Amino acid sequence: MIYVLLLLLLIWGLYTMNPAFAVAVVIIFVVGIIVSVQDSAKKDEEIKIKVDASRKRVAKELDQANFNSSKEIYLTLDSISPKMKIDTKSKRVAVLDYYKDKLDIIPFQNLIECQVIEDNETVLSGGVGRAVVGGVIAGGAGAIVGAATRKSKSVTNNMSLKIITSDINNSLIVIPILETATKRDSEKYKKAWSTAQNAHAIIVSIIKTSSSVQPVKISAPTESPLAQIENLAKLKEQGILTEEEFTEKKAELLKKV
């Protein structure tokens, strides 16, 4: 807006045959551009420093949790953040967001549902005992807004992946995929939609597979209390037990020592 005003002042100065005024406006305009470029470069450098620091912290935390990534999916188009890692060995999903310096590690058995949200409507949904594809359940009566409604739109304003878990302390994880208005016939949109479908399919596949697996007992009667505590600590590090569950069970076992 400020540059438009300066441009109008420049035109006015030339129109009134006041060259000194026009030169002053040009100088202010150029200085403004230089300052704007410098501010933009400074912000970019600050973001880079923040992202690099987050990368190191998250990498350390994943290493401490013995997280072994066997598959990685970028969930945004900048190939930086956020992204999703899958550890098929210890059966966990990690969602990383370097911009927000955030890491969520979710055991497979804690996953309940996964949805793709487009313009605040659910266009893909799947999970334990549920599968809705290409439509959205909306309204109190549960009306179905079909895929035809979605296809009639020429522009998408936002798209995100929503993961619902059984952890009451972290029950909802929303991952933005598109955050600006994007034409639905553009390559950018097609790539975002493909990314969302792929991530959704993987999470739903994990949910369906894990829901049929029986939970494993966390301790054996023949083990000593100290050995059981050691095993519990490993389960806590893997994200299978919460801090509260570990502390409670540890207190019970220490009474037996």
C-alpha atoms as a PDB file:
ATOM      1  CA  MET A   1       0.000   0.000   0.000  1.00  0.00           C
ATOM      2  CA  ILE A   2       2.835   2.399   0.885  1.00  0.00           C
ATOM      3  CA  TYR A   3       4.468   1.831  -2.509  1.00  0.00           C
ATOM      4  CA  VAL A   4       1.239   2.631  -4.334  1.00  0.00           C
ATOM      5  CA  LEU A   5       1.005   5.887  -2.388  1.00  0.00           C
ATOM      6  CA  LEU A   6       4.602   6.790  -3.268  1.00  0.00           C
ATOM      7  CA  LEU A   7       3.942   6.031  -6.916  1.00  0.00           C
ATOM      8  CA  LEU A   8       0.917   8.351  -6.876  1.00  0.00           C
ATOM      9  CA  LEU A   9       3.011  11.076  -5.251  1.00  0.00           C
ATOM     10  CA  LEU A  10       5.664  10.627  -7.940  1.00  0.00           C
ATOM     11  CA  ILE A  11       3.077  11.008 -10.693  1.00  0.00           C
ATOM     12  CA  TRP A  12       1.676  14.076  -8.942  1.00  0.00           C
ATOM     13  CA  GLY A  13       5.166  15.622  -8.671  1.00  0.00           C
ATOM     14  CA  LEU A  14       5.841  15.099 -12.363  1.00  0.00           C
ATOM     15  CA  TYR A  15       2.400  16.404 -13.258  1.00  0.00           C
ATOM     16  CA  THR A  16       2.917  19.611 -11.247  1.00  0.00           C
ATOM     17  CA  MET A  17       6.395  20.065 -12.789  1.00  0.00           C
ATOM     18  CA  ASN A  18       8.116  19.773  -9.422  1.00  0.00           C
ATOM     19  CA  PRO A  19      11.235  17.703 -10.204  1.00  0.00           C
ATOM     20  CA  ALA A  20      12.751  18.118  -6.731  1.00  0.00           C
ATOM     21  CA  PHE A  21       9.674  16.595  -5.149  1.00  0.00           C
ATOM     22  CA  ALA A  22       9.651  13.758  -7.718  1.00  0.00           C
ATOM     23  CA  VAL A  23      13.351  12.981  -7.023  1.00  0.00           C
ATOM     24  CA  ALA A  24      12.653  12.896  -3.275  1.00  0.00           C
ATOM     25  CA  VAL A  25       9.798  10.448  -3.819  1.00  0.00           C
ATOM     26  CA  VAL A  26      12.028   8.234  -6.001  1.00  0.00           C
ATOM     27  CA  ILE A  27      14.740   8.194  -3.306  1.00  0.00           C
ATOM     28  CA  ILE A  28      12.200   7.271  -0.609  1.00  0.00           C
ATOM     29  CA  PHE A  29      10.794   4.566  -2.893  1.00  0.00           C
ATOM     30  CA  VAL A  30      14.240   3.025  -3.533  1.00  0.00           C
ATOM     31  CA  VAL A  31      15.204   3.167   0.145  1.00  0.00           C
ATOM     32  CA  GLY A  32      11.920   1.515   1.047  1.00  0.00           C
ATOM     33  CA  ILE A  33      12.592  -1.344  -1.367  1.00  0.00           C
ATOM     34  CA  ILE A  34      16.127  -1.832   0.015  1.00  0.00           C
ATOM     35  CA  VAL A  35      14.865  -1.912   3.611  1.00  0.00           C
ATOM     36  CA  SER A  36      12.067  -4.314   2.645  1.00  0.00           C
ATOM     37  CA  VAL A  37      14.530  -6.683   0.943  1.00  0.00           C
ATOM     38  CA  GLN A  38      16.858  -6.548   3.955  1.00  0.00           C
ATOM     39  CA  ASP A  39      13.992  -7.272   6.352  1.00  0.00           C
ATOM     40  CA  SER A  40      12.874 -10.201   4.209  1.00  0.00           C
ATOM     41  CA  ALA A  41      16.426 -11.603   4.105  1.00  0.00           C
ATOM     42  CA  LYS A  42      16.721 -11.193   7.881  1.00  0.00           C
ATOM     43  CA  LYS A  43      13.452 -13.050   8.459  1.00  0.00           C
ATOM     44  CA  ASP A  44      14.526 -15.839   6.093  1.00  0.00           C
ATOM     45  CA  GLU A  45      17.817 -16.189   7.986  1.00  0.00           C
ATOM     46  CA  GLU A  46      15.991 -16.288  11.345  1.00  0.00           C
ATOM     47  CA  ILE A  47      13.666 -19.018  10.026  1.00  0.00           C
ATOM     48  CA  LYS A  48      16.658 -21.000   8.720  1.00  0.00           C
ATOM     49  CA  ILE A  49      18.413 -20.800  12.096  1.00  0.00           C
ATOM     50  CA  LYS A  50      15.215 -21.861  13.883  1.00  0.00           C
ATOM     51  CA  VAL A  51      14.637 -24.792  11.509  1.00  0.00           C
ATOM     52  CA  ASP A  52      18.254 -25.978  11.794  1.00  0.00           C
ATOM     53  CA  ALA A  53      18.056 -25.887  15.606  1.00  0.00           C
ATOM     54  CA  SER A  54      14.762 -27.800  15.511  1.00  0.00           C
ATOM     55  CA  ARG A  55      16.259 -30.428  13.173  1.00  0.00           C
ATOM     56  CA  LYS A  56      19.048 -31.116  15.673  1.00  0.00           C
ATOM     57  CA  ARG A  57      16.711 -31.253  18.666  1.00  0.00           C
ATOM     58  CA  VAL A  58      14.204 -33.525  16.940  1.00  0.00           C
ATOM     59  CA  ALA A  59      16.953 -35.819  15.613  1.00  0.00           C
ATOM     60  CA  LYS A  60      18.336 -36.157  19.150  1.00  0.00           C
ATOM     61  CA  GLU A  61      14.898 -36.896  20.598  1.00  0.00           C
ATOM     62  CA  LEU A  62      14.207 -39.541  17.933  1.00  0.00           C
ATOM     63  CA  ASP A  63      17.587 -41.112  18.636  1.00  0.00           C
ATOM     64  CA  GLN A  64      16.881 -41.205  22.381  1.00  0.00           C
ATOM     65  CA  ALA A  65      13.540 -42.870  21.651  1.00  0.00           C
ATOM     66  CA  ASN A  66      15.316 -45.507  19.492  1.00  0.00           C
ATOM     67  CA  PHE A  67      13.126 -44.503  16.545  1.00  0.00           C
ATOM     68  CA  ASN A  68      14.245 -46.299  13.358  1.00  0.00           C
ATOM     69  CA  SER A  69      12.598 -44.725  10.321  1.00  0.00           C
ATOM     70  CA  SER A  70      11.756 -47.192   7.559  1.00  0.00           C
ATOM     71  CA  LYS A  71       9.533 -44.812   5.549  1.00  0.00           C
ATOM     72  CA  GLU A  72       9.325 -41.035   5.249  1.00  0.00           C
ATOM     73  CA  ILE A  73       6.599 -38.841   3.726  1.00  0.00           C
ATOM     74  CA  TYR A  74       6.782 -35.078   3.212  1.00  0.00           C
ATOM     75  CA  LEU A  75       3.391 -33.546   4.003  1.00  0.00           C
ATOM     76  CA  THR A  76       4.061 -30.050   2.652  1.00  0.00           C
ATOM     77  CA  LEU A  77       5.309 -28.892  -0.728  1.00  0.00           C
ATOM     78  CA  ASP A  78       8.502 -27.211   0.549  1.00  0.00           C
ATOM     79  CA  SER A  79      10.205 -30.542   1.417  1.00  0.00           C
ATOM     80  CA  ILE A  80      11.175 -29.195   4.830  1.00  0.00           C
ATOM     81  CA  SER A  81       8.318 -29.501   7.276  1.00  0.00           C
ATOM     82  CA  PRO A  82       6.154 -31.057   8.467  1.00  0.00           C
ATOM     83  CA  LYS A  83       6.758 -34.658   7.529  1.00  0.00           C
ATOM     84  CA  MET A  84       5.879 -38.119   8.758  1.00  0.00           C
ATOM     85  CA  LYS A  85       8.226 -40.983   9.610  1.00  0.00           C
ATOM     86  CA  ILE A  86       7.180 -44.606  10.070  1.00  0.00           C
ATOM     87  CA  ASP A  87       9.039 -47.055  12.329  1.00  0.00           C
ATOM     88  CA  THR A  88       7.683 -50.463  11.352  1.00  0.00           C
ATOM     89  CA  LYS A  89      10.007 -52.270  13.767  1.00  0.00           C
ATOM     90  CA  SER A  90       8.752 -50.649  16.971  1.00  0.00           C
ATOM     91  CA  LYS A  91       5.378 -49.801  15.376  1.00  0.00           C
ATOM     92  CA  ARG A  92       5.332 -46.048  15.797  1.00  0.00           C
ATOM     93  CA  VAL A  93       4.562 -42.971  13.709  1.00  0.00           C
ATOM     94  CA  ALA A  94       6.477 -39.710  14.139  1.00  0.00           C
ATOM     95  CA  VAL A  95       5.083 -36.381  12.928  1.00  0.00           C
ATOM     96  CA  LEU A  96       7.755 -33.672  12.672  1.00  0.00           C
ATOM     97  CA  ASP A  97       7.218 -29.940  12.249  1.00  0.00           C
ATOM     98  CA  TYR A  98      10.501 -28.017  12.213  1.00  0.00           C
ATOM     99  CA  TYR A  99       8.791 -24.636  11.788  1.00  0.00           C
ATOM    100  CA  LYS A 100       6.883 -25.160  15.058  1.00  0.00           C
ATOM    101  CA  ASP A 101       9.735 -27.166  16.634  1.00  0.00           C
ATOM    102  CA  LYS A 102       7.307 -29.978  17.386  1.00  0.00           C
ATOM    103  CA  LEU A 103       7.579 -33.768  17.437  1.00  0.00           C
ATOM    104  CA  ASP A 104       4.749 -36.237  18.024  1.00  0.00           C
ATOM    105  CA  ILE A 105       5.532 -39.956  18.378  1.00  0.00           C
ATOM    106  CA  ILE A 106       2.401 -42.101  18.190  1.00  0.00           C
ATOM    107  CA  PRO A 107       2.310 -45.873  18.815  1.00  0.00           C
ATOM    108  CA  PHE A 108       0.367 -47.715  16.107  1.00  0.00           C
ATOM    109  CA  GLN A 109      -2.217 -48.941  18.629  1.00  0.00           C
ATOM    110  CA  ASN A 110      -3.029 -45.349  19.663  1.00  0.00           C
ATOM    111  CA  LEU A 111      -4.211 -44.382  16.168  1.00  0.00           C
ATOM    112  CA  ILE A 112      -8.004 -44.238  15.891  1.00  0.00           C
ATOM    113  CA  GLU A 113      -8.892 -42.291  12.771  1.00  0.00           C
ATOM    114  CA  CYS A 114      -7.387 -40.300   9.912  1.00  0.00           C
ATOM    115  CA  GLN A 115      -9.125 -37.642   7.817  1.00  0.00           C
ATOM    116  CA  VAL A 116      -8.251 -35.353   4.927  1.00  0.00           C
ATOM    117  CA  ILE A 117      -9.908 -31.955   5.386  1.00  0.00           C
ATOM    118  CA  GLU A 118     -10.400 -29.647   2.408  1.00  0.00           C
ATOM    119  CA  ASP A 119     -11.979 -26.216   2.930  1.00  0.00           C
ATOM    120  CA  ASN A 120     -13.190 -27.402   6.361  1.00  0.00           C
ATOM    121  CA  GLU A 121     -14.941 -30.456   4.893  1.00  0.00           C
ATOM    122  CA  THR A 122     -13.886 -34.088   5.348  1.00  0.00           C
ATOM    123  CA  VAL A 123     -13.142 -35.518   1.910  1.00  0.00           C
ATOM    124  CA  LEU A 124     -11.394 -38.711   3.075  1.00  0.00           C
ATOM    125  CA  SER A 125     -11.976 -40.533   6.355  1.00  0.00           C
ATOM    126  CA  GLY A 126     -10.986 -43.929   7.667  1.00  0.00           C
ATOM    127  CA  GLY A 127     -10.194 -45.669  10.895  1.00  0.00           C
ATOM    128  CA  VAL A 128     -11.519 -48.164  13.409  1.00  0.00           C
ATOM    129  CA  GLY A 129     -14.927 -49.235  12.116  1.00  0.00           C
ATOM    130  CA  ARG A 130     -15.249 -46.323   9.703  1.00  0.00           C
ATOM    131  CA  ALA A 131     -14.588 -45.542   6.037  1.00  0.00           C
ATOM    132  CA  VAL A 132     -15.950 -42.549   4.137  1.00  0.00           C
ATOM    133  CA  VAL A 133     -14.344 -41.723   0.802  1.00  0.00           C
ATOM    134  CA  GLY A 134     -14.985 -38.735  -1.454  1.00  0.00           C
ATOM    135  CA  GLY A 135     -17.677 -37.170   0.729  1.00  0.00           C
ATOM    136  CA  VAL A 136     -18.360 -35.558   4.057  1.00  0.00           C
ATOM    137  CA  ILE A 137     -20.864 -36.257   6.832  1.00  0.00           C
ATOM    138  CA  ALA A 138     -22.359 -32.879   7.664  1.00  0.00           C
ATOM    139  CA  GLY A 139     -25.187 -31.416   9.727  1.00  0.00           C
ATOM    140  CA  GLY A 140     -27.122 -32.792  12.663  1.00  0.00           C
ATOM    141  CA  ALA A 141     -29.058 -35.212  10.458  1.00  0.00           C
ATOM    142  CA  GLY A 142     -25.853 -36.684   9.031  1.00  0.00           C
ATOM    143  CA  ALA A 143     -26.439 -35.587   5.439  1.00  0.00           C
ATOM    144  CA  ILE A 144     -23.830 -36.611   2.899  1.00  0.00           C
ATOM    145  CA  VAL A 145     -22.110 -33.930   0.835  1.00  0.00           C
ATOM    146  CA  GLY A 146     -20.782 -35.967  -2.075  1.00  0.00           C
ATOM    147  CA  ALA A 147     -17.695 -35.764  -4.266  1.00  0.00           C
ATOM    148  CA  ALA A 148     -19.662 -33.824  -6.902  1.00  0.00           C
ATOM    149  CA  THR A 149     -19.850 -30.819  -4.567  1.00  0.00           C
ATOM    150  CA  ARG A 150     -16.097 -30.887  -4.068  1.00  0.00           C
ATOM    151  CA  LYS A 151     -15.361 -31.195  -7.785  1.00  0.00           C
ATOM    152  CA  SER A 152     -17.564 -28.192  -8.559  1.00  0.00           C
ATOM    153  CA  LYS A 153     -15.077 -25.908  -6.777  1.00  0.00           C
ATOM    154  CA  SER A 154     -12.339 -24.369  -8.920  1.00  0.00           C
ATOM    155  CA  VAL A 155     -10.184 -23.216  -5.988  1.00  0.00           C
ATOM    156  CA  THR A 156      -9.155 -24.857  -2.712  1.00  0.00           C
ATOM    157  CA  ASN A 157      -8.293 -22.504   0.144  1.00  0.00           C
ATOM    158  CA  ASN A 158      -6.796 -25.049   2.535  1.00  0.00           C
ATOM    159  CA  MET A 159      -6.102 -28.750   2.928  1.00  0.00           C
ATOM    160  CA  SER A 160      -4.892 -30.653   5.982  1.00  0.00           C
ATOM    161  CA  LEU A 161      -4.422 -34.134   7.404  1.00  0.00           C
ATOM    162  CA  LYS A 162      -6.143 -34.827  10.721  1.00  0.00           C
ATOM    163  CA  ILE A 163      -5.017 -37.722  12.940  1.00  0.00           C
ATOM    164  CA  ILE A 164      -7.123 -38.741  15.946  1.00  0.00           C
ATOM    165  CA  THR A 165      -5.486 -40.794  18.708  1.00  0.00           C
ATOM    166  CA  SER A 166      -6.506 -42.487  21.949  1.00  0.00           C
ATOM    167  CA  ASP A 167      -4.019 -40.376  23.941  1.00  0.00           C
ATOM    168  CA  ILE A 168      -6.158 -37.885  25.895  1.00  0.00           C
ATOM    169  CA  ASN A 169      -3.133 -35.577  26.233  1.00  0.00           C
ATOM    170  CA  ASN A 170      -2.577 -35.483  22.474  1.00  0.00           C
ATOM    171  CA  SER A 171      -5.824 -36.676  20.929  1.00  0.00           C
ATOM    172  CA  LEU A 172      -5.814 -34.491  17.813  1.00  0.00           C
ATOM    173  CA  ILE A 173      -2.936 -33.780  15.443  1.00  0.00           C
ATOM    174  CA  VAL A 174      -3.652 -31.485  12.481  1.00  0.00           C
ATOM    175  CA  ILE A 175      -1.024 -31.262   9.739  1.00  0.00           C
ATOM    176  CA  PRO A 176      -1.428 -28.462   7.159  1.00  0.00           C
ATOM    177  CA  ILE A 177      -0.764 -29.457   3.544  1.00  0.00           C
ATOM    178  CA  LEU A 178      -2.132 -26.410   1.678  1.00  0.00           C
ATOM    179  CA  GLU A 179      -2.565 -23.062   3.434  1.00  0.00           C
ATOM    180  CA  THR A 180      -3.135 -20.682   0.503  1.00  0.00           C
ATOM    181  CA  ALA A 181      -5.789 -20.497  -2.208  1.00  0.00           C
ATOM    182  CA  THR A 182      -4.808 -22.915  -4.994  1.00  0.00           C
ATOM    183  CA  LYS A 183      -6.483 -23.700  -8.307  1.00  0.00           C
ATOM    184  CA  ARG A 184      -7.675 -27.282  -8.371  1.00  0.00           C
ATOM    185  CA  ASP A 185      -6.406 -27.837 -11.902  1.00  0.00           C
ATOM    186  CA  SER A 186      -2.864 -26.720 -10.990  1.00  0.00           C
ATOM    187  CA  GLU A 187       0.134 -29.007 -10.485  1.00  0.00           C
ATOM    188  CA  LYS A 188       0.514 -27.652  -6.958  1.00  0.00           C
ATOM    189  CA  TYR A 189      -2.965 -28.837  -6.006  1.00  0.00           C
ATOM    190  CA  LYS A 190      -2.520 -32.216  -7.704  1.00  0.00           C
ATOM    191  CA  LYS A 191       0.709 -32.797  -5.794  1.00  0.00           C
ATOM    192  CA  ALA A 192      -0.912 -31.780  -2.493  1.00  0.00           C
ATOM    193  CA  TRP A 193      -3.908 -34.050  -3.106  1.00  0.00           C
ATOM    194  CA  SER A 194      -1.651 -36.973  -3.996  1.00  0.00           C
ATOM    195  CA  THR A 195       0.403 -36.371  -0.828  1.00  0.00           C
ATOM    196  CA  ALA A 196      -2.753 -36.251   1.315  1.00  0.00           C
ATOM    197  CA  GLN A 197      -4.133 -39.461  -0.210  1.00  0.00           C
ATOM    198  CA  ASN A 198      -0.854 -41.305   0.272  1.00  0.00           C
ATOM    199  CA  ALA A 199      -0.468 -40.261   3.920  1.00  0.00           C
ATOM    200  CA  HIS A 200      -4.130 -41.041   4.625  1.00  0.00           C
ATOM    201  CA  ALA A 201      -3.857 -44.507   3.054  1.00  0.00           C
ATOM    202  CA  ILE A 202      -0.778 -45.345   5.132  1.00  0.00           C
ATOM    203  CA  ILE A 203      -2.333 -44.236   8.438  1.00  0.00           C
ATOM    204  CA  VAL A 204      -5.618 -46.062   7.744  1.00  0.00           C
ATOM    205  CA  SER A 205      -3.684 -49.188   6.730  1.00  0.00           C
ATOM    206  CA  ILE A 206      -1.783 -49.036  10.039  1.00  0.00           C
ATOM    207  CA  ILE A 207      -5.031 -48.563  11.982  1.00  0.00           C
ATOM    208  CA  LYS A 208      -6.746 -51.502  10.269  1.00  0.00           C
ATOM    209  CA  THR A 209      -3.730 -53.756  10.795  1.00  0.00           C
ATOM    210  CA  SER A 210      -3.130 -52.756  14.415  1.00  0.00           C
ATOM    211  CA  SER A 211      -6.785 -53.069  15.432  1.00  0.00           C
ATOM    212  CA  SER A 212      -6.614 -56.824  14.858  1.00  0.00           C
ATOM    213  CA  VAL A 213      -3.479 -57.300  16.986  1.00  0.00           C
ATOM    214  CA  GLN A 214      -3.953 -58.330  20.615  1.00  0.00           C
ATOM    215  CA  PRO A 215      -2.078 -56.251  23.218  1.00  0.00           C
ATOM    216  CA  VAL A 216       1.095 -57.768  24.623  1.00  0.00           C
ATOM    217  CA  LYS A 217       1.535 -58.178  28.369  1.00  0.00           C
ATOM    218  CA  ILE A 218       4.104 -55.754  29.687  1.00  0.00           C
ATOM    219  CA  SER A 219       5.577 -58.050  32.333  1.00  0.00           C
ATOM    220  CA  ALA A 220       6.051 -61.718  33.038  1.00  0.00           C
ATOM    221  CA  PRO A 221       5.273 -63.278  36.452  1.00  0.00           C
ATOM    222  CA  THR A 222       8.624 -65.077  36.567  1.00  0.00           C
ATOM    223  CA  GLU A 223      10.653 -61.868  36.259  1.00  0.00           C
ATOM    224  CA  SER A 224      11.958 -60.057  39.319  1.00  0.00           C
ATOM    225  CA  PRO A 225      10.415 -56.655  40.159  1.00  0.00           C
ATOM    226  CA  LEU A 226      13.642 -54.874  39.156  1.00  0.00           C
ATOM    227  CA  ALA A 227      13.703 -56.690  35.794  1.00  0.00           C
ATOM    228  CA  GLN A 228      10.075 -55.750  35.246  1.00  0.00           C
ATOM    229  CA  ILE A 229      10.863 -52.099  36.002  1.00  0.00           C
ATOM    230  CA  GLU A 230      13.686 -52.220  33.457  1.00  0.00           C
ATOM    231  CA  ASN A 231      11.314 -53.609  30.830  1.00  0.00           C
ATOM    232  CA  LEU A 232       8.733 -50.959  31.675  1.00  0.00           C
ATOM    233  CA  ALA A 233      11.365 -48.233  31.211  1.00  0.00           C
ATOM    234  CA  LYS A 234      12.087 -49.548  27.711  1.00  0.00           C
ATOM    235  CA  LEU A 235       8.382 -49.507  26.858  1.00  0.00           C
ATOM    236  CA  LYS A 236       8.154 -45.919  28.109  1.00  0.00           C
ATOM    237  CA  GLU A 237      11.115 -44.873  25.937  1.00  0.00           C
ATOM    238  CA  GLN A 238       9.387 -46.453  22.922  1.00  0.00           C
ATOM    239  CA  GLY A 239       6.249 -44.437  23.615  1.00  0.00           C
ATOM    240  CA  ILE A 240       4.140 -47.507  24.391  1.00  0.00           C
ATOM    241  CA  LEU A 241       3.672 -46.477  28.044  1.00  0.00           C
ATOM    242  CA  THR A 242       2.934 -42.952  29.232  1.00  0.00           C
ATOM    243  CA  GLU A 243       4.959 -41.346  32.018  1.00  0.00           C
ATOM    244  CA  GLU A 244       1.991 -41.704  34.380  1.00  0.00           C
ATOM    245  CA  GLU A 245       1.512 -45.413  33.587  1.00  0.00           C
ATOM    246  CA  PHE A 246       5.219 -46.094  34.077  1.00  0.00           C
ATOM    247  CA  THR A 247       5.352 -44.228  37.425  1.00  0.00           C
ATOM    248  CA  GLU A 248       2.274 -46.012  38.768  1.00  0.00           C
ATOM    249  CA  LYS A 249       3.487 -49.503  37.815  1.00  0.00           C
ATOM    250  CA  LYS A 250       7.014 -48.760  39.037  1.00  0.00           C
ATOM    251  CA  ALA A 251       5.672 -47.767  42.469  1.00  0.00           C
ATOM    252  CA  GLU A 252       3.743 -51.052  42.695  1.00  0.00           C
ATOM    253  CA  LEU A 253       6.808 -53.120  41.783  1.00  0.00           C
ATOM    254  CA  LEU A 254       9.134 -51.268  44.191  1.00  0.00           C
ATOM    255  CA  LYS A 255       6.891 -52.356  47.080  1.00  0.00           C
ATOM    256  CA  LYS A 256       7.768 -55.966  46.174  1.00  0.00           C
ATOM    257  CA  VAL A 257      11.536 -55.428  46.347  1.00  0.00           C
END
